[in-house]
Amino acid sequence: MPPRTDPDSSESPEPPDSQESHDSQEAPLRVAVLADSDTRWKWGALTAHRIAPGARVDGLLLRGRATPTARQLDEVGARVAGLREVTAAEFLRAADRGTYDVVVLSCVGGTVQAMLHGLAHELNGAERRPVTVTGYVGVVYEKLADGLLLRHGADVVLANSTHDAERFRAVYAGVGADAGSVVECALPFLGGAPYVPWTEAAGRPRTVVFAVQPSVPASRADRAYLLRRAAGHARAHPDREVLVKLRSRPGEHTTHIEEQPYQKLAARLPGGLPPNCRLVYGHMSEVLDRTDLLVTVSSTAALESLHRGIPTAVLTDLGVREALGNHHFLGSGCLTSWDRLDAGLLPEADPVWTARQGVAAGGSYEAAFDAARARVAALAARPALPPVTPYYTLTTAPGYLPGILARHGLDPSGAPRPDTAADRQASGLRRAVRSAVRDAARGAYRHGVQRVAPVIRRMGEL
């Protein structure tokens, strides 16, 4: 795949071959970003540029059910020097060869833990090893302890806000684990021009954007309800444009599984969508450029919108519940309902809450990454780093850790299993056949998730 281009060149560092500031003899850092979905690729690649300005960044897409498509990668638009798919074993071999100075593990928690144990095994006794960095792609509203302990062992665990940094350190301290790896920063994809309130002189209709999520809410009835309300808002305000911002096209997967795609629900909507309501794709920052009201259940898009000063509504129509993630916005001033929005009432965000959530609308955003840059640079400059030592070991979690490692082709010691090692010797023809089988398996999996599983579930309710 060709390298991607970051759409916000004013905020993202230039690649190393175009940086005239690196005239010194010191070579730029070499950074690898290992990602397992489109949203984690977005976070990982943009984080790499934030914390290691001027570095050569290579993208490694972990092969699996959610490996992003070329369209999804283009939509993210992160600029890298190289991009390829890898298995877990291939990633560990690349790290063992000393290819990289820094590794950003932008994956689900179990994968991060497996890669840390794999690195600990592969690099045991090595003179040098890469600095390991990990974190979360957005709002952390569930599985806080589980996800954090699976990320423990990385040299740097990035927290996207003051609120998160405090929670992360408390979890690590609570189990007696070292919390020194936690570093506060911000989400790497915040930015864009500050919002200018809409007037008739804007030359465009007032625009309302409903930012959907793949798995929240989960049920068909709830998702159909939200779509009906978005369409109803458009009918009630024919002078407005209502955009339903979608994350993926049918057949594509994101971080979470989407069993009930809004595209299919829209096709079955009685009366269809009104003329001033339509489905859209594209980079969220570009959609926000024309947004006058952002509506969501609990999407990270709300933080992007708040960062730019756009009126932002977090829906309470389905309740304020942990399962929906909108409980994270308690105290934000953004919780409201479609009824209130239909009546013209706009929520006002609480500035104290937004500041604690890493939303720096006042212009201090770039400084949010200073501590992370300094920490990564200091660690990378060391002649040697201590061994990778995750909290989870065969002593602390003997009934949990082996299963996590096995799912990624590693034995309990963190070494690649023999069948995984044999795979590296496969011929070109065998690799091509296996690739075709994997692609077919992904298609079958997606078909089962989006078509077969809902039918079986409905039959079970009869």
Protein backbone atom coordinates (compact mmCIF):
# COMPACT_ATOMS: atom_id res chain seq x y z
CA MET A 1 0.00 0.00 0.00
CA PRO A 2 1.25 3.53 -0.68
CA PRO A 3 2.04 5.92 2.16
CA ARG A 4 -0.88 8.03 3.34
CA THR A 5 -1.05 11.81 3.54
CA ASP A 6 -2.13 13.56 6.73
CA PRO A 7 -4.91 16.01 5.78
CA ASP A 8 -3.93 18.50 8.51
CA SER A 9 -0.40 19.35 7.48
CA SER A 10 -0.41 22.44 9.65
CA GLU A 11 -0.59 20.33 12.80
CA SER A 12 1.13 17.07 11.85
CA PRO A 13 4.91 16.89 11.53
CA GLU A 14 6.46 16.49 8.13
CA PRO A 15 8.06 13.13 7.30
CA PRO A 16 11.79 12.96 7.98
CA ASP A 17 12.88 13.28 4.36
CA SER A 18 11.25 16.74 4.12
CA GLN A 19 12.45 18.12 7.45
CA GLU A 20 15.24 20.61 6.97
CA SER A 21 15.61 20.93 10.73
CA HIS A 22 17.31 17.54 10.92
CA ASP A 23 20.60 18.70 9.48
CA SER A 24 22.51 17.42 12.46
CA GLN A 25 24.29 14.11 12.46
CA GLU A 26 21.72 12.62 14.82
CA ALA A 27 19.43 10.29 12.85
CA PRO A 28 15.67 10.64 13.33
CA LEU A 29 13.91 8.06 15.46
CA ARG A 30 12.45 5.02 13.76
CA VAL A 31 8.91 4.38 14.97
CA ALA A 32 6.60 1.43 14.28
CA VAL A 33 2.86 1.66 14.84
CA LEU A 34 1.16 -1.70 15.31
CA ALA A 35 -2.63 -1.31 14.87
CA ASP A 36 -5.49 -3.78 14.61
CA SER A 37 -8.39 -1.59 13.39
CA ASP A 38 -9.06 1.68 11.60
CA THR A 39 -9.73 3.72 14.74
CA ARG A 40 -6.63 2.36 16.49
CA TRP A 41 -4.59 3.04 13.37
CA LYS A 42 -5.83 6.64 13.48
CA TRP A 43 -4.83 7.03 17.13
CA GLY A 44 -1.51 5.21 16.81
CA ALA A 45 -0.23 6.90 13.66
CA LEU A 46 -1.18 10.41 14.77
CA THR A 47 0.20 9.75 18.26
CA ALA A 48 3.53 8.67 16.75
CA HIS A 49 3.85 12.02 14.95
CA ARG A 50 2.87 13.92 18.09
CA ILE A 51 5.34 12.23 20.46
CA ALA A 52 8.23 11.78 18.04
CA PRO A 53 8.35 14.80 15.69
CA GLY A 54 10.46 14.21 12.60
CA ALA A 55 10.58 10.44 13.12
CA ARG A 56 10.31 7.88 10.35
CA VAL A 57 6.98 6.18 11.03
CA ASP A 58 6.15 2.74 9.63
CA GLY A 59 2.65 1.33 9.82
CA LEU A 60 2.16 -2.34 10.69
CA LEU A 61 -1.45 -3.55 10.42
CA LEU A 62 -2.04 -6.64 12.50
CA ARG A 63 -3.82 -9.23 10.40
CA GLY A 64 -7.25 -10.08 11.85
CA ARG A 65 -11.00 -9.64 11.56
CA ALA A 66 -10.82 -5.83 11.81
CA THR A 67 -7.79 -5.15 9.61
CA PRO A 68 -8.71 -1.83 7.94
CA THR A 69 -9.39 -1.64 4.22
CA ALA A 70 -7.61 0.75 1.86
CA ARG A 71 -10.66 3.05 1.93
CA GLN A 72 -10.61 3.21 5.72
CA LEU A 73 -6.89 3.97 5.73
CA ASP A 74 -7.39 6.75 3.18
CA GLU A 75 -10.17 8.21 5.31
CA VAL A 76 -7.88 8.34 8.36
CA GLY A 77 -5.21 10.01 6.24
CA ALA A 78 -2.20 9.54 8.54
CA ARG A 79 1.15 10.04 6.82
CA VAL A 80 3.68 7.20 7.16
CA ALA A 81 6.83 6.05 5.36
CA GLY A 82 5.63 2.48 4.83
CA LEU A 83 2.53 0.40 5.46
CA ARG A 84 2.04 -3.37 5.45
CA GLU A 85 0.08 -6.20 7.04
CA VAL A 86 1.88 -8.43 9.54
CA THR A 87 1.20 -11.32 11.87
CA ALA A 88 2.14 -11.12 15.53
CA ALA A 89 5.19 -13.30 14.89
CA GLU A 90 6.33 -11.08 12.00
CA PHE A 91 6.03 -8.00 14.19
CA LEU A 92 8.10 -9.58 16.96
CA ARG A 93 10.81 -10.63 14.51
CA ALA A 94 11.05 -7.07 13.16
CA ALA A 95 11.42 -5.71 16.71
CA ASP A 96 14.03 -8.36 17.51
CA ARG A 97 16.16 -7.21 14.56
CA GLY A 98 16.52 -3.77 16.10
CA THR A 99 14.55 -2.16 13.29
CA TYR A 100 12.77 0.36 15.51
CA ASP A 101 13.61 2.80 18.32
CA VAL A 102 9.98 3.23 19.41
CA VAL A 103 6.98 0.93 19.07
CA VAL A 104 3.44 2.29 19.47
CA LEU A 105 1.10 -0.57 20.37
CA SER A 106 -2.28 0.71 19.21
CA CYS A 107 -4.30 -2.44 19.76
CA VAL A 108 -6.93 -3.99 21.99
CA GLY A 109 -5.68 -4.67 25.52
CA GLY A 110 -5.15 -8.41 25.09
CA THR A 111 -3.05 -7.85 22.00
CA VAL A 112 -0.94 -5.24 23.77
CA GLN A 113 -0.28 -7.67 26.62
CA ALA A 114 0.65 -10.48 24.22
CA MET A 115 3.02 -8.24 22.28
CA LEU A 116 4.69 -7.07 25.49
CA HIS A 117 5.30 -10.66 26.57
CA GLY A 118 6.46 -11.52 23.07
CA LEU A 119 8.91 -8.63 23.12
CA ALA A 120 10.11 -9.64 26.59
CA HIS A 121 10.89 -13.13 25.25
CA GLU A 122 12.35 -12.10 21.90
CA LEU A 123 14.53 -9.33 23.35
CA ASN A 124 15.72 -11.18 26.43
CA GLY A 125 19.43 -10.39 26.71
CA ALA A 126 19.40 -7.96 23.79
CA GLU A 127 21.70 -4.96 24.06
CA ARG A 128 18.93 -2.56 23.04
CA ARG A 129 15.18 -2.72 22.71
CA PRO A 130 12.55 -0.25 21.46
CA VAL A 131 10.64 2.08 23.75
CA THR A 132 7.08 0.74 24.03
CA VAL A 133 4.12 3.16 24.03
CA THR A 134 0.42 2.39 24.30
CA GLY A 135 -2.88 4.00 25.29
CA TYR A 136 -6.55 4.29 24.37
CA VAL A 137 -8.17 5.59 21.19
CA GLY A 138 -10.85 7.62 22.93
CA VAL A 139 -13.20 7.74 25.89
CA VAL A 140 -12.48 5.01 28.46
CA TYR A 141 -15.92 4.20 29.83
CA GLU A 142 -15.78 0.43 30.40
CA LYS A 143 -13.35 -2.31 31.48
CA LEU A 144 -11.04 0.25 33.03
CA ALA A 145 -9.10 -2.11 35.30
CA ASP A 146 -9.01 -4.96 32.77
CA GLY A 147 -7.80 -2.79 29.90
CA LEU A 148 -5.22 -0.95 31.98
CA LEU A 149 -3.64 -4.05 33.50
CA LEU A 150 -3.42 -5.58 30.03
CA ARG A 151 -1.43 -2.50 28.97
CA HIS A 152 0.87 -2.55 31.98
CA GLY A 153 4.48 -3.29 31.08
CA ALA A 154 4.72 -0.64 28.37
CA ASP A 155 7.30 2.05 29.04
CA VAL A 156 4.70 4.76 28.40
CA VAL A 157 0.94 4.43 28.95
CA LEU A 158 -0.65 7.57 27.54
CA ALA A 159 -3.69 9.07 29.27
CA ASN A 160 -5.79 11.38 27.11
CA SER A 161 -6.75 13.74 29.94
CA THR A 162 -6.15 14.71 33.55
CA HIS A 163 -9.24 12.67 34.44
CA ASP A 164 -7.82 9.55 32.79
CA ALA A 165 -4.33 10.02 34.23
CA GLU A 166 -5.71 10.08 37.76
CA ARG A 167 -7.81 6.97 37.18
CA PHE A 168 -4.96 5.08 35.49
CA ARG A 169 -2.53 5.73 38.34
CA ALA A 170 -5.14 4.73 40.90
CA VAL A 171 -5.72 1.36 39.19
CA TYR A 172 -2.01 0.55 39.03
CA ALA A 173 -1.44 1.64 42.62
CA GLY A 174 -4.41 -0.46 43.69
CA VAL A 175 -2.74 -3.70 42.63
CA GLY A 176 0.74 -2.66 43.68
CA ALA A 177 1.95 -2.15 40.11
CA ASP A 178 4.32 0.62 39.05
CA ALA A 179 2.32 3.64 37.89
CA GLY A 180 5.34 5.60 36.66
CA SER A 181 4.57 4.72 33.04
CA VAL A 182 1.37 6.83 32.98
CA VAL A 183 1.89 10.09 31.11
CA GLU A 184 -0.85 12.65 30.57
CA CYS A 185 -1.37 14.02 27.05
CA ALA A 186 -4.47 14.44 24.85
CA LEU A 187 -6.20 12.74 21.96
CA PRO A 188 -3.90 13.20 18.95
CA PHE A 189 -6.62 14.00 16.42
CA LEU A 190 -8.16 17.06 18.06
CA GLY A 191 -7.78 20.25 16.07
CA GLY A 192 -9.38 22.19 13.28
CA ALA A 193 -10.66 25.74 13.06
CA PRO A 194 -12.66 27.12 16.00
CA TYR A 195 -16.40 27.12 15.41
CA VAL A 196 -17.97 30.28 14.05
CA PRO A 197 -21.68 30.44 14.98
CA TRP A 198 -23.98 30.01 12.00
CA THR A 199 -25.77 32.97 10.48
CA GLU A 200 -27.83 33.36 7.33
CA ALA A 201 -24.79 35.01 5.78
CA ALA A 202 -22.90 31.69 6.02
CA GLY A 203 -24.16 30.76 2.57
CA ARG A 204 -25.15 27.24 3.64
CA PRO A 205 -27.96 25.67 5.68
CA ARG A 206 -27.54 25.13 9.41
CA THR A 207 -26.05 21.63 9.67
CA VAL A 208 -26.81 18.99 12.30
CA VAL A 209 -24.55 15.91 12.36
CA PHE A 210 -25.56 12.67 14.07
CA ALA A 211 -22.32 10.75 14.69
CA VAL A 212 -23.21 7.07 14.91
CA GLN A 213 -21.26 4.28 16.59
CA PRO A 214 -20.83 0.66 15.44
CA SER A 215 -21.93 -1.00 18.67
CA VAL A 216 -23.71 1.67 20.75
CA PRO A 217 -26.58 1.13 21.02
CA ALA A 218 -26.52 -2.52 20.06
CA SER A 219 -30.15 -3.45 19.40
CA ARG A 220 -31.89 -2.96 16.09
CA ALA A 221 -34.86 -1.28 17.77
CA ASP A 222 -32.69 1.32 19.53
CA ARG A 223 -30.67 2.10 16.42
CA ALA A 224 -33.81 2.37 14.30
CA TYR A 225 -35.26 4.74 16.92
CA LEU A 226 -32.24 7.05 16.75
CA LEU A 227 -32.35 7.09 12.96
CA ARG A 228 -36.08 7.89 13.01
CA ARG A 229 -35.44 10.79 15.37
CA ALA A 230 -32.66 12.17 13.16
CA ALA A 231 -34.99 11.95 10.17
CA GLY A 232 -37.77 13.51 12.25
CA HIS A 233 -35.53 16.41 13.19
CA ALA A 234 -34.87 17.00 9.50
CA ARG A 235 -38.61 17.00 8.74
CA ALA A 236 -39.31 19.38 11.60
CA HIS A 237 -36.60 21.75 10.36
CA PRO A 238 -36.67 21.70 6.55
CA ASP A 239 -34.28 24.65 6.47
CA ARG A 240 -31.57 22.52 8.11
CA GLU A 241 -29.35 19.79 6.73
CA VAL A 242 -29.10 16.64 8.86
CA LEU A 243 -26.12 14.40 8.17
CA VAL A 244 -25.86 10.87 9.58
CA LYS A 245 -22.09 10.37 9.84
CA LEU A 246 -21.24 6.69 9.31
CA ARG A 247 -18.07 4.96 10.41
CA SER A 248 -17.84 2.19 7.80
CA ARG A 249 -19.43 0.81 4.68
CA PRO A 250 -21.27 -2.55 4.76
CA GLY A 251 -18.74 -5.39 4.99
CA GLU A 252 -16.05 -3.26 6.64
CA HIS A 253 -15.19 -3.60 10.30
CA THR A 254 -14.04 -1.05 12.81
CA THR A 255 -12.85 -1.49 16.38
CA HIS A 256 -16.29 -2.79 17.34
CA ILE A 257 -18.60 -5.14 15.48
CA GLU A 258 -21.59 -3.51 13.78
CA GLU A 259 -24.45 -6.00 13.64
CA GLN A 260 -27.10 -3.50 12.53
CA PRO A 261 -25.60 -1.07 9.98
CA TYR A 262 -27.46 2.21 9.67
CA GLN A 263 -27.32 1.91 5.88
CA LYS A 264 -29.69 -1.07 6.04
CA LEU A 265 -31.90 0.56 8.64
CA ALA A 266 -32.21 3.65 6.44
CA ALA A 267 -33.29 1.52 3.49
CA ARG A 268 -36.14 0.11 5.62
CA LEU A 269 -37.19 3.41 7.19
CA PRO A 270 -40.93 4.05 6.51
CA GLY A 271 -41.10 6.91 4.05
CA GLY A 272 -37.32 6.89 3.67
CA LEU A 273 -35.02 9.73 4.63
CA PRO A 274 -36.30 13.25 3.88
CA PRO A 275 -34.45 15.24 1.19
CA ASN A 276 -32.50 17.25 3.78
CA CYS A 277 -31.26 14.15 5.63
CA ARG A 278 -28.57 11.90 4.20
CA LEU A 279 -25.86 9.39 5.07
CA VAL A 280 -22.26 10.58 4.76
CA TYR A 281 -18.76 9.13 5.12
CA GLY A 282 -15.41 10.87 5.30
CA HIS A 283 -12.88 12.27 7.74
CA MET A 284 -14.60 13.52 10.90
CA SER A 285 -12.62 16.78 10.96
CA GLU A 286 -13.86 17.64 7.48
CA VAL A 287 -17.45 16.92 8.48
CA LEU A 288 -17.03 19.09 11.58
CA ASP A 289 -15.91 21.98 9.36
CA ARG A 290 -19.57 22.43 8.38
CA THR A 291 -21.25 21.28 11.62
CA ASP A 292 -23.40 23.58 13.75
CA LEU A 293 -24.64 20.89 16.14
CA LEU A 294 -23.02 17.51 16.81
CA VAL A 295 -25.37 14.82 18.18
CA THR A 296 -24.21 11.43 19.45
CA VAL A 297 -24.77 8.80 22.11
CA SER A 298 -21.19 8.65 23.39
CA SER A 299 -18.82 8.87 20.42
CA THR A 300 -15.32 10.32 20.77
CA ALA A 301 -16.51 12.68 18.04
CA ALA A 302 -18.13 14.62 20.88
CA LEU A 303 -14.68 15.50 22.24
CA GLU A 304 -13.53 16.57 18.76
CA SER A 305 -16.60 18.78 18.49
CA LEU A 306 -16.20 20.27 21.98
CA HIS A 307 -12.54 21.01 21.25
CA ARG A 308 -13.63 23.26 18.40
CA GLY A 309 -16.40 24.93 20.40
CA ILE A 310 -19.23 23.35 18.38
CA PRO A 311 -22.54 22.89 20.27
CA THR A 312 -22.53 19.21 21.24
CA ALA A 313 -25.43 17.01 22.37
CA VAL A 314 -25.04 13.65 24.11
CA LEU A 315 -28.38 11.85 23.91
CA THR A 316 -30.30 10.63 26.96
CA ASP A 317 -33.21 9.17 24.94
CA LEU A 318 -32.16 5.59 25.71
CA GLY A 319 -31.18 6.40 29.28
CA VAL A 320 -27.89 7.39 30.88
CA ARG A 321 -26.26 3.99 31.21
CA GLU A 322 -22.82 2.46 31.50
CA ALA A 323 -23.65 0.14 28.61
CA LEU A 324 -24.11 3.17 26.36
CA GLY A 325 -21.08 5.07 27.60
CA ASN A 326 -22.98 8.34 27.91
CA HIS A 327 -22.51 8.22 31.69
CA HIS A 328 -18.98 9.43 30.93
CA PHE A 329 -20.51 12.84 30.10
CA LEU A 330 -22.12 13.35 33.50
CA GLY A 331 -21.38 16.92 34.54
CA SER A 332 -20.47 17.99 31.00
CA GLY A 333 -23.62 20.01 30.40
CA CYS A 334 -24.06 18.14 27.09
CA LEU A 335 -26.67 15.56 28.13
CA THR A 336 -29.99 16.21 26.39
CA SER A 337 -32.67 14.55 24.24
CA TRP A 338 -34.00 14.71 20.70
CA ASP A 339 -37.20 16.34 22.05
CA ARG A 340 -35.21 19.26 23.44
CA LEU A 341 -33.13 19.54 20.27
CA ASP A 342 -36.32 19.54 18.17
CA ALA A 343 -37.57 22.41 20.33
CA GLY A 344 -34.43 24.42 19.59
CA LEU A 345 -32.66 24.03 22.95
CA LEU A 346 -28.88 23.72 22.66
CA PRO A 347 -26.67 22.31 25.43
CA GLU A 348 -23.77 24.37 26.77
CA ALA A 349 -20.61 22.53 27.75
CA ASP A 350 -19.13 23.06 31.21
CA PRO A 351 -15.59 24.47 30.78
CA VAL A 352 -14.27 22.83 33.96
CA TRP A 353 -15.44 19.42 32.78
CA THR A 354 -14.02 19.84 29.27
CA ALA A 355 -10.63 20.96 30.63
CA ARG A 356 -10.35 17.81 32.77
CA GLN A 357 -11.24 15.71 29.71
CA GLY A 358 -8.31 17.02 27.67
CA VAL A 359 -10.44 19.29 25.51
CA ALA A 360 -8.22 22.36 25.21
CA ALA A 361 -10.38 24.83 23.33
CA GLY A 362 -8.32 27.72 24.71
CA GLY A 363 -5.26 27.05 22.55
CA SER A 364 -3.05 24.98 24.90
CA TYR A 365 -3.48 21.77 22.89
CA GLU A 366 0.05 21.47 21.48
CA ALA A 367 1.58 21.75 24.97
CA ALA A 368 -0.44 18.70 26.00
CA PHE A 369 2.13 16.45 24.31
CA ASP A 370 5.26 18.02 25.81
CA ALA A 371 5.55 15.52 28.68
CA ALA A 372 5.08 12.54 26.38
CA ARG A 373 7.66 13.85 23.89
CA ALA A 374 10.19 14.40 26.67
CA ARG A 375 9.58 10.95 28.17
CA VAL A 376 9.93 9.13 24.84
CA ALA A 377 13.06 11.10 23.87
CA ALA A 378 14.70 10.43 27.24
CA LEU A 379 13.98 6.71 27.09
CA ALA A 380 15.11 6.40 23.47
CA ALA A 381 18.39 8.15 24.34
CA ARG A 382 19.32 5.63 27.02
CA PRO A 383 22.04 3.14 26.08
CA ALA A 384 19.86 0.35 27.49
CA LEU A 385 16.39 -0.10 28.92
CA PRO A 386 15.29 -2.51 31.66
CA PRO A 387 13.50 -5.71 30.63
CA VAL A 388 9.81 -5.52 29.74
CA THR A 389 7.98 -6.50 32.94
CA PRO A 390 4.16 -6.59 32.69
CA TYR A 391 2.08 -6.91 35.84
CA TYR A 392 0.44 -10.06 34.49
CA THR A 393 2.78 -13.06 34.71
CA LEU A 394 2.37 -16.79 35.20
CA THR A 395 2.58 -16.01 38.92
CA THR A 396 0.07 -13.15 39.15
CA ALA A 397 -2.44 -14.44 36.54
CA PRO A 398 -1.75 -18.14 35.77
CA GLY A 399 -5.36 -18.77 34.80
CA TYR A 400 -5.69 -15.72 32.53
CA LEU A 401 -2.41 -14.91 30.81
CA PRO A 402 -1.79 -18.21 28.91
CA GLY A 403 -5.11 -17.88 27.07
CA ILE A 404 -4.32 -14.32 26.01
CA LEU A 405 -0.92 -15.37 24.67
CA ALA A 406 -2.33 -18.43 22.90
CA ARG A 407 -4.83 -16.32 20.97
CA HIS A 408 -1.86 -14.51 19.44
CA GLY A 409 0.20 -17.58 18.61
CA LEU A 410 2.46 -17.41 21.67
CA ASP A 411 3.20 -20.08 24.26
CA PRO A 412 3.06 -19.28 28.03
CA SER A 413 6.67 -18.02 27.93
CA GLY A 414 5.85 -15.49 25.20
CA ALA A 415 7.64 -17.44 22.48
CA PRO A 416 5.95 -18.02 19.11
CA ARG A 417 4.39 -21.50 18.99
CA PRO A 418 6.08 -24.03 16.66
CA ASP A 419 3.21 -23.92 14.17
CA THR A 420 3.62 -20.13 14.00
CA ALA A 421 7.35 -20.49 13.42
CA ALA A 422 6.73 -22.96 10.62
CA ASP A 423 4.39 -20.49 8.95
CA ARG A 424 7.29 -18.14 8.26
CA GLN A 425 8.80 -20.76 5.92
CA ALA A 426 5.72 -20.94 3.71
CA SER A 427 6.32 -20.53 0.00
CA GLY A 428 4.95 -17.62 -1.98
CA LEU A 429 2.17 -19.82 -3.38
CA ARG A 430 1.23 -21.09 0.06
CA ARG A 431 1.18 -17.55 1.40
CA ALA A 432 -1.08 -16.46 -1.45
CA VAL A 433 -3.46 -19.36 -0.80
CA ARG A 434 -3.53 -18.63 2.92
CA SER A 435 -4.17 -14.96 2.23
CA ALA A 436 -7.12 -15.85 -0.01
CA VAL A 437 -8.49 -18.21 2.65
CA ARG A 438 -8.13 -15.51 5.31
CA ASP A 439 -9.98 -12.98 3.12
CA ALA A 440 -12.77 -15.49 2.55
CA ALA A 441 -12.93 -16.23 6.26
CA ARG A 442 -13.22 -12.52 7.04
CA GLY A 443 -16.08 -12.20 4.57
CA ALA A 444 -17.85 -15.19 6.08
CA TYR A 445 -17.36 -13.79 9.56
CA ARG A 446 -18.80 -10.42 8.60
CA HIS A 447 -21.74 -12.12 6.88
CA GLY A 448 -22.39 -14.14 10.02
CA VAL A 449 -22.22 -11.10 12.27
CA GLN A 450 -24.39 -8.81 10.17
CA ARG A 451 -26.89 -11.26 8.67
CA VAL A 452 -26.99 -14.71 10.27
CA ALA A 453 -26.57 -13.77 13.94
CA PRO A 454 -29.46 -11.23 14.00
CA VAL A 455 -31.79 -13.77 12.36
CA ILE A 456 -30.90 -16.44 14.92
CA ARG A 457 -31.35 -13.92 17.73
CA ARG A 458 -34.82 -12.96 16.47
CA MET A 459 -35.80 -16.62 16.13
CA GLY A 460 -34.74 -17.19 19.72
CA GLU A 461 -37.09 -14.42 20.84
CA LEU A 462 -40.15 -16.04 19.23
